[in-house]
N, C-alpha and C. Protein backbone atom coordinates (compact mmCIF):
# COMPACT_ATOMS: atom_id res chain seq x y z
N GLY A 1 8.64 -11.43 3.44
CA GLY A 1 8.84 -12.78 3.73
C GLY A 1 9.59 -12.74 5.07
N GLY A 2 10.17 -14.07 5.66
CA GLY A 2 10.89 -14.01 6.95
C GLY A 2 11.94 -13.87 6.82
N GLY A 3 12.75 -13.95 5.72
CA GLY A 3 14.23 -13.87 5.78
C GLY A 3 14.57 -12.20 4.92
N ASP A 4 15.88 -12.45 4.47
CA ASP A 4 15.93 -11.15 3.69
C ASP A 4 16.40 -11.40 2.27
N LYS A 5 16.12 -12.50 1.77
CA LYS A 5 16.32 -12.72 0.20
C LYS A 5 14.90 -12.33 -0.50
N ILE A 6 13.83 -12.81 -0.15
CA ILE A 6 12.65 -12.20 -0.98
C ILE A 6 11.64 -12.04 0.07
N PHE A 7 10.95 -10.81 -0.41
CA PHE A 7 9.79 -10.27 0.27
C PHE A 7 8.51 -11.05 -0.05
N SER A 8 8.13 -11.22 -1.39
CA SER A 8 7.17 -12.12 -1.94
C SER A 8 7.47 -12.20 -3.27
N ALA A 9 6.94 -13.61 -3.93
CA ALA A 9 7.22 -13.75 -5.08
C ALA A 9 5.82 -13.89 -5.92
N GLY A 10 4.67 -13.58 -5.09
CA GLY A 10 3.54 -13.87 -5.49
C GLY A 10 2.86 -15.03 -5.91
N TRP A 11 2.40 -15.50 -7.09
CA TRP A 11 1.94 -16.55 -7.34
C TRP A 11 2.64 -17.86 -7.09
N ASP A 12 2.19 -19.10 -6.76
CA ASP A 12 2.68 -20.14 -6.97
C ASP A 12 2.62 -20.83 -8.49
N LEU A 13 3.78 -20.57 -9.06
CA LEU A 13 3.49 -20.89 -10.62
C LEU A 13 3.35 -22.70 -10.61
N LYS A 14 3.94 -23.31 -9.82
CA LYS A 14 4.08 -24.65 -10.02
C LYS A 14 2.30 -25.26 -9.41
N ALA A 15 2.00 -24.54 -8.55
CA ALA A 15 0.70 -25.22 -8.37
C ALA A 15 -0.25 -24.70 -9.60
N LEU A 16 -0.10 -23.47 -10.41
CA LEU A 16 -1.02 -23.07 -11.37
C LEU A 16 -0.75 -24.06 -12.70
N ASN A 17 0.98 -24.58 -12.73
CA ASN A 17 1.13 -25.40 -13.74
C ASN A 17 0.67 -26.88 -13.65
N ALA A 18 0.45 -27.37 -12.33
CA ALA A 18 -0.29 -28.45 -11.62
C ALA A 18 -1.82 -28.61 -11.80
N GLY A 19 -2.39 -27.51 -12.38
CA GLY A 19 -3.51 -27.16 -11.96
C GLY A 19 -4.45 -27.19 -10.95
N GLU A 20 -3.70 -26.97 -10.00
CA GLU A 20 -4.33 -26.70 -8.55
C GLU A 20 -4.96 -25.25 -8.70
N MET A 21 -4.29 -24.45 -9.22
CA MET A 21 -4.92 -23.21 -9.37
C MET A 21 -5.33 -22.93 -11.04
N GLN A 22 -6.76 -21.97 -10.80
CA GLN A 22 -6.88 -21.53 -12.40
C GLN A 22 -6.52 -20.35 -12.76
N LEU A 23 -6.05 -19.87 -14.10
CA LEU A 23 -5.85 -18.33 -14.59
C LEU A 23 -6.73 -18.06 -15.21
N ASP A 24 -7.78 -18.33 -15.87
CA ASP A 24 -8.81 -18.08 -16.15
C ASP A 24 -10.03 -17.49 -15.09
N ASN A 25 -10.27 -16.14 -15.20
CA ASN A 25 -11.17 -15.39 -13.97
C ASN A 25 -10.64 -16.15 -12.83
N TRP A 26 -9.57 -15.93 -12.77
CA TRP A 26 -8.93 -16.18 -11.45
C TRP A 26 -9.32 -15.49 -10.26
N TRP A 27 -9.61 -14.31 -10.35
CA TRP A 27 -10.15 -12.91 -9.25
C TRP A 27 -11.42 -13.95 -8.68
N GLU A 28 -12.10 -14.75 -9.32
CA GLU A 28 -13.42 -15.39 -8.79
C GLU A 28 -13.09 -16.61 -8.15
N THR A 29 -11.98 -16.74 -8.03
CA THR A 29 -11.70 -18.30 -7.01
C THR A 29 -11.14 -18.00 -5.75
N ASP A 30 -11.34 -19.08 -5.06
CA ASP A 30 -11.48 -18.75 -3.69
C ASP A 30 -9.85 -18.66 -3.29
N ASP A 31 -8.95 -18.59 -4.27
CA ASP A 31 -7.67 -18.27 -4.12
C ASP A 31 -7.52 -16.49 -4.11
N TYR A 32 -8.50 -16.28 -4.56
CA TYR A 32 -8.42 -14.53 -4.39
C TYR A 32 -9.45 -14.11 -3.36
N GLY A 33 -9.09 -14.10 -2.38
CA GLY A 33 -10.26 -14.02 -0.95
C GLY A 33 -10.55 -12.02 -1.03
N GLU A 34 -11.25 -11.79 0.05
CA GLU A 34 -12.09 -10.97 0.23
C GLU A 34 -10.92 -9.38 -0.01
N GLY A 35 -10.72 -8.67 -0.53
CA GLY A 35 -9.86 -7.62 -0.61
C GLY A 35 -8.80 -7.59 -1.33
N GLY A 36 -8.93 -8.33 -2.47
CA GLY A 36 -8.11 -8.74 -3.46
C GLY A 36 -6.83 -9.73 -3.22
N PHE A 37 -5.65 -9.65 -3.81
CA PHE A 37 -4.72 -10.54 -3.67
C PHE A 37 -3.97 -10.35 -2.53
N THR A 38 -3.93 -11.27 -1.46
CA THR A 38 -2.99 -11.45 0.00
C THR A 38 -4.43 -10.15 0.85
N GLY A 39 -5.32 -10.13 0.34
CA GLY A 39 -6.23 -9.40 1.25
C GLY A 39 -5.75 -7.75 1.00
N LEU A 40 -5.27 -7.37 0.01
CA LEU A 40 -4.41 -5.84 0.23
C LEU A 40 -4.73 -5.09 -1.23
N THR A 41 -4.61 -5.96 -2.40
CA THR A 41 -4.61 -5.03 -3.53
C THR A 41 -6.09 -4.34 -4.23
N GLU A 42 -7.05 -5.26 -3.12
CA GLU A 42 -8.27 -4.15 -3.82
C GLU A 42 -9.19 -4.12 -2.32
N ASN A 43 -8.59 -3.55 -1.35
CA ASN A 43 -9.42 -3.74 0.01
C ASN A 43 -9.84 -2.16 -0.10
N TRP A 44 -10.99 -1.84 -0.64
CA TRP A 44 -11.21 -0.48 -0.57
C TRP A 44 -12.08 -0.01 0.67
N GLN A 45 -12.66 -0.88 1.37
CA GLN A 45 -12.65 -0.59 2.89
C GLN A 45 -11.43 -0.60 3.92
N LEU A 46 -10.31 -0.86 3.85
CA LEU A 46 -9.73 -1.26 4.81
C LEU A 46 -9.19 0.50 5.17
N ASN A 47 -9.41 0.87 6.37
CA ASN A 47 -9.32 1.99 6.91
C ASN A 47 -7.65 2.27 7.96
N LYS A 48 -7.67 0.94 8.16
CA LYS A 48 -6.26 1.06 9.16
C LYS A 48 -4.86 1.18 8.01
N PRO A 49 -3.96 2.09 7.99
CA PRO A 49 -2.71 1.96 7.07
C PRO A 49 -1.99 0.91 7.59
N VAL A 50 -1.50 0.46 6.18
CA VAL A 50 -0.56 -0.70 6.19
C VAL A 50 0.95 -0.33 5.71
N ILE A 51 1.94 -1.08 6.29
CA ILE A 51 3.12 -0.45 6.01
C ILE A 51 3.90 -1.90 5.59
N ALA A 52 4.60 -1.42 4.27
CA ALA A 52 5.27 -2.85 3.90
C ALA A 52 6.68 -2.56 4.10
N ALA A 53 7.62 -3.84 4.48
CA ALA A 53 8.82 -3.45 5.04
C ALA A 53 9.63 -4.68 4.17
N ILE A 54 9.94 -4.03 2.92
CA ILE A 54 10.29 -4.82 1.80
C ILE A 54 11.86 -5.57 2.11
N ASN A 55 11.93 -6.67 2.50
CA ASN A 55 13.22 -7.15 2.84
C ASN A 55 13.88 -7.83 1.65
N GLY A 56 14.01 -7.52 0.45
CA GLY A 56 14.40 -8.53 -0.48
C GLY A 56 13.54 -8.35 -1.70
N LEU A 57 13.53 -9.43 -3.11
CA LEU A 57 12.95 -9.12 -4.11
C LEU A 57 11.49 -9.40 -3.77
N ALA A 58 10.88 -8.28 -4.37
CA ALA A 58 9.04 -8.11 -4.53
C ALA A 58 8.89 -8.25 -6.02
N ILE A 59 8.52 -9.42 -6.17
CA ILE A 59 8.50 -10.06 -7.78
C ILE A 59 6.82 -10.22 -8.01
N GLY A 60 6.48 -9.89 -9.01
CA GLY A 60 5.12 -10.03 -9.59
C GLY A 60 4.11 -10.04 -8.53
N GLY A 61 3.17 -10.48 -8.27
CA GLY A 61 2.49 -10.69 -7.23
C GLY A 61 2.97 -9.83 -5.98
N GLY A 62 4.36 -10.23 -5.64
CA GLY A 62 4.68 -9.93 -4.17
C GLY A 62 4.93 -8.17 -4.24
N PHE A 63 5.13 -7.76 -5.52
CA PHE A 63 5.26 -6.24 -5.84
C PHE A 63 3.71 -5.75 -6.02
N GLU A 64 2.99 -6.22 -6.43
CA GLU A 64 1.61 -5.89 -6.45
C GLU A 64 1.34 -5.96 -5.04
N MET A 65 1.42 -6.50 -3.90
CA MET A 65 0.73 -6.69 -2.80
C MET A 65 1.43 -5.23 -1.98
N ALA A 66 2.80 -5.14 -2.10
CA ALA A 66 3.56 -4.03 -1.38
C ALA A 66 3.12 -2.81 -2.29
N MET A 67 2.60 -2.41 -3.58
CA MET A 67 1.90 -1.20 -4.02
C MET A 67 0.43 -1.15 -3.20
N GLY A 68 -0.22 -1.94 -2.66
CA GLY A 68 -1.38 -2.06 -2.14
C GLY A 68 -1.31 -1.55 -0.74
N CYS A 69 -0.15 -1.29 -0.30
CA CYS A 69 0.13 -0.82 1.05
C CYS A 69 0.32 0.74 1.19
N ASP A 70 0.03 1.39 2.28
CA ASP A 70 0.22 2.75 2.40
C ASP A 70 1.42 3.44 2.33
N LEU A 71 2.28 2.79 3.28
CA LEU A 71 3.82 3.25 3.21
C LEU A 71 4.81 2.04 2.92
N LEU A 72 5.48 2.24 1.94
CA LEU A 72 6.55 1.23 1.93
C LEU A 72 8.27 1.59 2.22
N ILE A 73 8.87 0.82 3.11
CA ILE A 73 10.18 1.10 3.63
C ILE A 73 10.98 0.00 2.97
N ALA A 74 11.86 -0.01 1.97
CA ALA A 74 12.91 -0.76 1.62
C ALA A 74 14.07 -0.93 2.05
N ALA A 75 14.56 -2.49 2.12
CA ALA A 75 15.96 -2.77 2.58
C ALA A 75 16.83 -2.31 1.59
N ASP A 76 18.10 -1.94 1.47
CA ASP A 76 18.78 -1.44 0.48
C ASP A 76 19.28 -2.60 -0.56
N HIS A 77 18.73 -3.62 -0.22
CA HIS A 77 19.45 -4.60 -1.37
C HIS A 77 18.09 -5.31 -1.86
N ALA A 78 16.67 -4.34 -1.57
CA ALA A 78 15.57 -4.82 -2.26
C ALA A 78 15.56 -4.50 -3.44
N GLU A 79 14.84 -5.36 -4.34
CA GLU A 79 14.44 -5.21 -5.92
C GLU A 79 13.16 -5.59 -6.05
N PHE A 80 12.65 -5.02 -7.21
CA PHE A 80 11.26 -4.88 -7.56
C PHE A 80 11.12 -5.18 -9.12
N GLY A 81 10.22 -6.27 -9.53
CA GLY A 81 10.02 -6.79 -10.76
C GLY A 81 8.98 -7.28 -11.10
N LEU A 82 8.45 -7.29 -12.48
CA LEU A 82 7.32 -7.92 -13.08
C LEU A 82 7.76 -8.72 -14.04
N PRO A 83 8.12 -10.08 -13.92
CA PRO A 83 8.52 -10.90 -14.90
C PRO A 83 7.45 -11.62 -15.69
N GLU A 84 5.93 -11.33 -15.63
CA GLU A 84 4.84 -11.86 -16.02
C GLU A 84 5.00 -12.10 -17.87
N MET A 85 5.36 -11.06 -18.46
CA MET A 85 5.37 -11.01 -19.79
C MET A 85 6.05 -12.13 -20.61
N PRO A 86 7.23 -12.84 -20.05
CA PRO A 86 7.84 -14.29 -20.42
C PRO A 86 7.22 -15.31 -20.27
N LEU A 87 6.35 -15.26 -19.51
CA LEU A 87 5.14 -16.33 -19.06
C LEU A 87 4.26 -16.29 -19.74
N GLY A 88 3.75 -15.37 -20.74
CA GLY A 88 2.63 -15.27 -21.52
C GLY A 88 1.41 -14.54 -20.78
N ILE A 89 1.83 -14.21 -19.43
CA ILE A 89 0.55 -13.44 -18.78
C ILE A 89 0.89 -12.11 -18.50
N VAL A 90 0.25 -11.28 -17.64
CA VAL A 90 0.44 -9.83 -16.98
C VAL A 90 0.24 -9.51 -15.84
N PRO A 91 0.86 -8.49 -15.15
CA PRO A 91 0.42 -8.28 -13.71
C PRO A 91 -0.77 -7.72 -13.58
N ASP A 92 -1.79 -8.25 -13.51
CA ASP A 92 -3.15 -7.81 -13.69
C ASP A 92 -3.73 -7.69 -12.16
N ALA A 93 -2.62 -8.19 -11.09
CA ALA A 93 -3.47 -8.06 -9.55
C ALA A 93 -2.93 -6.57 -9.01
N GLY A 94 -2.56 -5.76 -9.91
CA GLY A 94 -2.58 -4.00 -9.23
C GLY A 94 -1.51 -3.32 -10.06
N ALA A 95 -0.37 -4.23 -10.63
CA ALA A 95 0.48 -3.25 -11.15
C ALA A 95 0.00 -2.79 -12.27
N LEU A 96 -0.44 -3.49 -13.35
CA LEU A 96 -0.93 -2.58 -14.25
C LEU A 96 -2.04 -1.51 -14.08
N GLN A 97 -2.59 -1.76 -12.96
CA GLN A 97 -3.43 -0.42 -12.72
C GLN A 97 -2.54 0.67 -11.61
N ARG A 98 -2.04 0.22 -11.04
CA ARG A 98 -1.35 1.28 -10.01
C ARG A 98 0.37 1.85 -10.37
N LEU A 99 1.03 1.16 -11.12
CA LEU A 99 2.11 1.41 -11.24
C LEU A 99 2.44 2.51 -12.13
N PRO A 100 1.85 2.80 -13.45
CA PRO A 100 1.88 4.01 -14.14
C PRO A 100 1.20 5.24 -13.44
N ARG A 101 0.57 5.22 -12.22
CA ARG A 101 -0.08 6.48 -11.41
C ARG A 101 1.24 6.81 -10.56
N ARG A 102 1.99 6.07 -10.57
CA ARG A 102 3.12 6.00 -9.38
C ARG A 102 4.42 6.56 -9.92
N ILE A 103 4.82 5.93 -11.11
CA ILE A 103 5.96 6.37 -11.81
C ILE A 103 5.98 6.94 -13.19
N PRO A 104 6.92 7.38 -13.94
CA PRO A 104 6.41 7.82 -15.17
C PRO A 104 6.19 6.45 -15.94
N HIS A 105 5.47 6.98 -17.03
CA HIS A 105 5.10 6.01 -17.79
C HIS A 105 5.56 4.89 -18.48
N ASN A 106 6.53 5.82 -19.27
CA ASN A 106 7.52 5.18 -19.95
C ASN A 106 8.53 4.01 -18.91
N ILE A 107 8.89 4.37 -17.64
CA ILE A 107 9.51 3.47 -17.01
C ILE A 107 8.69 2.23 -16.47
N ALA A 108 7.48 2.48 -16.10
CA ALA A 108 6.35 1.67 -16.13
C ALA A 108 6.68 0.53 -17.19
N MET A 109 6.07 0.88 -18.30
CA MET A 109 5.99 0.18 -19.53
C MET A 109 7.50 -0.51 -19.65
N GLU A 110 8.55 0.14 -19.30
CA GLU A 110 9.50 -0.78 -19.49
C GLU A 110 9.99 -2.00 -18.31
N MET A 111 9.45 -1.78 -17.37
CA MET A 111 8.99 -2.71 -16.32
C MET A 111 8.07 -3.92 -16.60
N PHE A 112 6.82 -3.42 -17.42
CA PHE A 112 5.91 -4.50 -17.90
C PHE A 112 6.43 -5.00 -19.20
N LEU A 113 7.21 -4.34 -20.46
CA LEU A 113 7.54 -5.15 -21.51
C LEU A 113 8.58 -5.87 -21.43
N LEU A 114 9.73 -5.33 -20.74
CA LEU A 114 11.10 -5.81 -20.73
C LEU A 114 11.36 -6.56 -19.68
N GLY A 115 10.89 -6.36 -18.34
CA GLY A 115 10.78 -7.08 -17.13
C GLY A 115 12.20 -6.67 -16.54
N ARG A 116 12.49 -5.69 -16.76
CA ARG A 116 13.90 -5.10 -15.83
C ARG A 116 13.43 -4.92 -14.53
N ARG A 117 14.06 -5.21 -13.74
CA ARG A 117 14.31 -4.94 -12.29
C ARG A 117 14.31 -3.49 -11.72
N MET A 118 13.71 -3.00 -10.77
CA MET A 118 14.20 -1.73 -10.22
C MET A 118 14.98 -1.92 -9.03
N THR A 119 16.18 -1.29 -8.71
CA THR A 119 16.66 -1.43 -7.33
C THR A 119 15.90 -0.49 -6.32
N ALA A 120 16.15 -0.76 -4.87
CA ALA A 120 15.82 0.15 -4.10
C ALA A 120 15.86 1.58 -4.34
N ALA A 121 17.14 1.85 -4.77
CA ALA A 121 17.24 3.21 -4.90
C ALA A 121 16.58 3.88 -6.19
N GLU A 122 16.49 3.09 -7.13
CA GLU A 122 15.44 3.69 -8.15
C GLU A 122 14.09 3.77 -7.47
N ALA A 123 13.97 2.93 -7.06
CA ALA A 123 12.29 3.01 -6.61
C ALA A 123 12.46 4.22 -5.73
N ALA A 124 13.26 4.42 -4.78
CA ALA A 124 13.25 5.79 -3.80
C ALA A 124 12.99 7.11 -4.62
N HIS A 125 14.01 7.11 -5.59
CA HIS A 125 14.10 8.02 -6.93
C HIS A 125 12.75 8.21 -7.15
N TYR A 126 12.18 7.28 -7.76
CA TYR A 126 10.64 7.63 -8.64
C TYR A 126 9.49 7.74 -7.32
N GLY A 127 9.96 7.77 -6.21
CA GLY A 127 8.70 7.87 -5.30
C GLY A 127 7.91 6.78 -4.93
N LEU A 128 8.36 5.43 -5.45
CA LEU A 128 7.81 4.23 -5.34
C LEU A 128 7.71 3.85 -3.81
N VAL A 129 8.72 4.08 -3.06
CA VAL A 129 8.93 3.48 -1.76
C VAL A 129 9.21 4.86 -1.11
N ASN A 130 8.79 5.09 0.20
CA ASN A 130 9.13 6.13 0.82
C ASN A 130 10.67 6.36 1.47
N LYS A 131 11.16 5.29 1.84
CA LYS A 131 12.34 5.26 2.44
C LYS A 131 13.32 3.96 2.33
N VAL A 132 14.45 4.20 2.02
CA VAL A 132 15.66 3.09 1.77
C VAL A 132 16.45 2.82 3.18
N VAL A 133 16.73 1.64 3.89
CA VAL A 133 17.19 2.06 5.03
C VAL A 133 18.34 0.43 4.60
N PRO A 134 19.47 0.18 5.51
CA PRO A 134 20.21 -0.67 5.39
C PRO A 134 19.34 -1.95 6.13
N LYS A 135 19.44 -2.98 5.56
CA LYS A 135 18.75 -4.43 5.69
C LYS A 135 18.73 -4.80 7.40
N GLN A 136 19.91 -4.53 7.89
CA GLN A 136 19.48 -4.78 9.58
C GLN A 136 18.60 -3.47 10.33
N ASP A 137 18.21 -2.54 9.69
CA ASP A 137 17.56 -1.53 10.57
C ASP A 137 16.23 -1.51 9.85
N LEU A 138 15.93 -2.66 8.97
CA LEU A 138 14.54 -2.48 8.23
C LEU A 138 13.31 -2.61 9.40
N MET A 139 13.58 -3.48 10.07
CA MET A 139 12.11 -3.72 10.99
C MET A 139 11.94 -2.74 11.91
N SER A 140 13.31 -2.19 12.48
CA SER A 140 13.19 -1.10 13.50
C SER A 140 12.57 -0.12 12.83
N ALA A 141 13.06 0.39 11.73
CA ALA A 141 12.58 1.47 10.91
C ALA A 141 10.91 1.41 10.72
N ALA A 142 10.51 0.01 10.21
CA ALA A 142 9.19 -0.28 10.03
C ALA A 142 8.20 0.12 11.60
N ARG A 143 8.85 -0.48 12.91
CA ARG A 143 8.19 -0.53 13.95
C ARG A 143 8.02 0.51 14.49
N GLU A 144 9.25 1.77 14.21
CA GLU A 144 9.05 2.94 14.47
C GLU A 144 7.77 3.74 14.13
N TRP A 145 7.82 3.75 12.59
CA TRP A 145 6.62 4.13 12.04
C TRP A 145 5.34 3.89 12.59
N ALA A 146 5.15 2.32 12.50
CA ALA A 146 4.10 1.93 13.19
C ALA A 146 3.41 2.37 14.61
N ALA A 147 4.53 2.62 15.42
CA ALA A 147 4.78 3.11 16.77
C ALA A 147 3.71 4.61 16.94
N SER A 148 4.52 5.41 15.52
CA SER A 148 4.11 6.86 15.47
C SER A 148 2.50 7.06 15.27
N ILE A 149 2.15 6.04 14.06
CA ILE A 149 0.69 5.66 13.44
C ILE A 149 -0.08 5.49 14.66
N ALA A 150 0.29 4.52 15.61
CA ALA A 150 -0.34 3.98 16.66
C ALA A 150 -0.80 4.74 17.67
N TRP A 151 0.32 5.88 17.85
CA TRP A 151 -0.18 6.96 18.99
C TRP A 151 -0.92 8.03 18.44
N SER A 152 -1.38 8.03 17.39
CA SER A 152 -2.30 9.13 16.86
C SER A 152 -3.90 8.47 17.01
N ALA A 153 -4.60 9.81 16.71
CA ALA A 153 -6.14 9.66 16.93
C ALA A 153 -6.67 8.44 15.74
N PRO A 154 -7.31 7.49 16.28
CA PRO A 154 -7.54 6.50 14.99
C PRO A 154 -8.72 7.04 14.08
N LEU A 155 -9.53 8.21 14.21
CA LEU A 155 -10.42 8.41 13.92
C LEU A 155 -9.96 9.35 12.53
N ALA A 156 -8.87 10.14 13.35
CA ALA A 156 -8.07 10.98 12.24
C ALA A 156 -7.29 10.24 11.11
N MET A 157 -6.67 9.27 11.73
CA MET A 157 -6.09 8.19 10.94
C MET A 157 -6.87 7.57 10.12
N GLN A 158 -7.91 7.17 10.30
CA GLN A 158 -8.90 6.51 9.26
C GLN A 158 -9.58 7.59 8.15
N THR A 159 -9.96 8.73 8.67
CA THR A 159 -10.04 9.52 8.00
C THR A 159 -9.29 9.92 6.63
N VAL A 160 -7.93 9.76 6.92
CA VAL A 160 -7.06 10.18 5.92
C VAL A 160 -7.22 8.86 4.70
N LYS A 161 -7.30 8.14 5.10
CA LYS A 161 -7.22 6.72 4.32
C LYS A 161 -8.82 6.81 3.56
N GLU A 162 -9.91 7.12 4.27
CA GLU A 162 -11.19 7.35 3.87
C GLU A 162 -11.22 8.06 2.51
N VAL A 163 -10.76 9.69 3.20
CA VAL A 163 -10.53 10.58 1.82
C VAL A 163 -9.80 10.48 0.67
N GLN A 164 -8.62 9.86 1.13
CA GLN A 164 -7.59 9.69 -0.19
C GLN A 164 -8.45 8.76 -1.21
N ARG A 165 -9.04 7.58 -0.52
CA ARG A 165 -9.28 6.64 -1.49
C ARG A 165 -10.60 7.26 -2.28
N GLU A 166 -11.42 8.34 -1.55
CA GLU A 166 -12.69 8.80 -2.56
C GLU A 166 -12.14 9.93 -3.51
N ILE A 167 -11.03 10.72 -2.97
CA ILE A 167 -10.62 11.76 -4.12
C ILE A 167 -9.24 11.56 -4.92
N GLU A 168 -8.69 10.30 -4.95
CA GLU A 168 -7.57 9.88 -5.38
C GLU A 168 -7.23 10.43 -6.82
N CYS A 169 -8.42 10.16 -7.60
CA CYS A 169 -8.33 10.60 -9.06
C CYS A 169 -9.26 11.23 -9.69
N VAL A 170 -9.98 12.32 -8.67
CA VAL A 170 -10.72 13.44 -9.08
C VAL A 170 -10.13 14.66 -9.34
N PRO A 171 -10.60 15.56 -10.32
CA PRO A 171 -10.21 16.78 -10.20
C PRO A 171 -9.74 17.75 -8.72
N LEU A 172 -9.22 18.63 -8.71
CA LEU A 172 -8.99 19.41 -7.59
C LEU A 172 -10.15 19.74 -6.94
N GLN A 173 -10.96 20.68 -7.79
CA GLN A 173 -12.06 21.18 -7.30
C GLN A 173 -13.26 20.41 -7.09
N GLN A 174 -13.21 19.28 -7.59
CA GLN A 174 -14.12 18.12 -7.26
C GLN A 174 -13.80 17.40 -6.02
N ALA A 175 -12.41 17.38 -5.72
CA ALA A 175 -12.12 16.75 -4.73
C ALA A 175 -12.46 17.54 -3.38
N PHE A 176 -12.45 18.82 -3.42
CA PHE A 176 -12.86 19.63 -2.48
C PHE A 176 -14.75 19.36 -2.49
N HIS A 177 -15.31 19.26 -3.36
CA HIS A 177 -16.61 19.24 -3.45
C HIS A 177 -17.09 17.91 -2.69
N LYS A 178 -16.19 16.94 -3.13
CA LYS A 178 -16.70 15.61 -2.57
C LYS A 178 -16.54 15.48 -0.99
N MET A 179 -15.69 16.41 -0.49
CA MET A 179 -15.20 16.04 1.01
C MET A 179 -16.45 17.05 1.56
N ARG A 180 -16.84 18.22 1.01
CA ARG A 180 -18.27 18.52 1.48
C ARG A 180 -19.27 18.04 1.67
N SER A 181 -19.76 17.37 0.23
CA SER A 181 -21.16 16.99 0.26
C SER A 181 -21.33 15.29 0.29
N ASP A 182 -20.23 14.61 -0.09
CA ASP A 182 -20.51 13.20 0.02
C ASP A 182 -20.21 12.66 1.10
N PRO A 183 -21.04 11.44 1.41
CA PRO A 183 -20.84 10.94 2.57
C PRO A 183 -19.95 10.05 2.96
N MET A 184 -19.09 10.70 3.71
CA MET A 184 -17.90 10.02 4.26
C MET A 184 -17.96 9.95 5.72
N PRO A 185 -18.33 8.55 6.09
CA PRO A 185 -18.92 8.35 7.57
C PRO A 185 -17.75 8.91 8.76
N THR A 186 -16.77 8.26 8.41
CA THR A 186 -15.51 8.54 9.19
C THR A 186 -15.13 9.78 9.17
N TYR A 187 -15.24 10.43 8.23
CA TYR A 187 -14.60 12.02 8.24
C TYR A 187 -15.65 12.76 8.94
N ARG A 188 -16.97 12.51 9.03
CA ARG A 188 -17.98 13.42 10.02
C ARG A 188 -17.66 13.12 11.06
N LYS A 189 -17.69 11.77 11.57
CA LYS A 189 -17.80 11.07 13.00
C LYS A 189 -16.43 11.90 13.31
N MET A 190 -15.12 12.03 12.71
CA MET A 190 -13.97 12.47 13.25
C MET A 190 -14.32 14.07 13.73
N LEU A 191 -15.15 14.82 12.75
CA LEU A 191 -15.34 16.36 12.95
C LEU A 191 -15.85 16.45 14.31
N LYS A 192 -16.74 15.59 14.71
CA LYS A 192 -17.52 15.67 15.90
C LYS A 192 -16.97 14.80 17.09
N SER A 193 -15.93 14.30 16.80
CA SER A 193 -15.43 13.11 17.86
C SER A 193 -14.63 13.91 19.10
N ASP A 194 -14.67 13.42 20.36
CA ASP A 194 -14.32 13.71 21.66
C ASP A 194 -12.50 13.62 21.31
N ASP A 195 -12.30 12.76 20.63
CA ASP A 195 -10.49 12.89 20.27
C ASP A 195 -10.27 14.46 19.58
N ALA A 196 -11.08 14.65 18.43
CA ALA A 196 -10.70 15.81 18.15
C ALA A 196 -10.83 16.98 19.03
N ALA A 197 -11.62 17.29 20.00
CA ALA A 197 -11.57 18.06 21.04
C ALA A 197 -10.45 17.99 21.99
N GLU A 198 -9.84 16.34 22.21
CA GLU A 198 -9.01 16.38 23.27
C GLU A 198 -7.82 16.96 22.36
N GLY A 199 -7.64 16.69 21.09
CA GLY A 199 -6.14 17.06 20.61
C GLY A 199 -6.00 18.71 20.69
N ILE A 200 -7.19 19.55 20.11
CA ILE A 200 -7.09 20.79 20.40
C ILE A 200 -6.97 21.19 22.00
N ALA A 201 -7.61 20.65 22.91
CA ALA A 201 -7.57 20.80 24.29
C ALA A 201 -6.00 20.77 24.79
N ALA A 202 -5.60 19.44 24.26
CA ALA A 202 -3.71 19.17 24.73
C ALA A 202 -2.97 20.11 24.52
N PHE A 203 -3.11 20.51 22.96
CA PHE A 203 -2.45 21.87 22.40
C PHE A 203 -2.33 22.93 23.34
N VAL A 204 -3.60 23.26 23.30
CA VAL A 204 -3.67 24.59 24.18
C VAL A 204 -2.95 24.27 25.63
N GLU A 205 -2.88 23.44 26.02
CA GLU A 205 -2.89 23.17 27.48
C GLU A 205 -1.20 22.82 27.44
N LYS A 206 -0.55 22.56 26.50
CA LYS A 206 0.86 22.05 26.46
C LYS A 206 0.92 20.76 27.31
N ARG A 207 0.21 19.77 26.83
CA ARG A 207 0.00 18.29 27.47
C ARG A 207 -0.05 17.50 26.45
N GLU A 208 0.10 16.03 26.50
CA GLU A 208 0.11 14.90 25.36
C GLU A 208 -1.46 14.43 25.53
N PRO A 209 -2.01 14.59 24.41
CA PRO A 209 -3.43 13.85 24.32
C PRO A 209 -3.66 12.51 24.90
N LYS A 210 -4.87 12.60 25.02
CA LYS A 210 -5.04 10.93 25.53
C LYS A 210 -6.34 10.72 24.47
N PHE A 211 -5.92 10.07 23.28
CA PHE A 211 -7.02 9.60 22.44
C PHE A 211 -7.73 8.44 22.80
N ARG A 212 -9.02 8.26 22.54
CA ARG A 212 -9.61 6.96 22.64
C ARG A 212 -10.42 6.62 21.62
N GLY A 213 -10.38 7.21 20.47
CA GLY A 213 -11.24 6.68 19.25
C GLY A 213 -12.48 6.87 19.22
N GLU A 214 -12.79 7.82 19.91
CA GLU A 214 -14.20 8.37 20.01
C GLU A 214 -14.59 9.82 19.80
């Protein structure tokens, strides 16, 4: 969000109640575009890293959108919650699928079934967010991370996302096998790239590398 009270509250429940949106098979409607909710929750081909700067309440679909990001920085007053149960619905745009993989199962169930909100400090404790900062420092911290990522070799950065997506839920031995044998085009391109040679040469020559994404 643009302020410091609400990051995102997700669905427009008033529009849903007015019949302007539909609940049945909602993922097949125009409201749910390419890449899932907000273009992030099911964007399996997105090879650019996404940073969530959470500046307040991340509720329902807003929480699910945040979990679709790669790096999460939260302001110290941020809170996370899933209030769907009292509404007679469930958080099925990413929370049911992702949250139990990221925090203890029973804590996830507490959020699902009881609607308990989680503070930024708790989210950091469980590893749900990477970092908690004072709210006045939030955007500068996010921009600092973004600048660091932007400085990196693009193909290497994209390879990290490609590989993680492919091996996320497979056993360790199979993960090694997939990297060696599966078609991972960005990874293969990175291994032969000018940037890989440039990075190694720059290290040996004790200078800053000049990456071009090639």
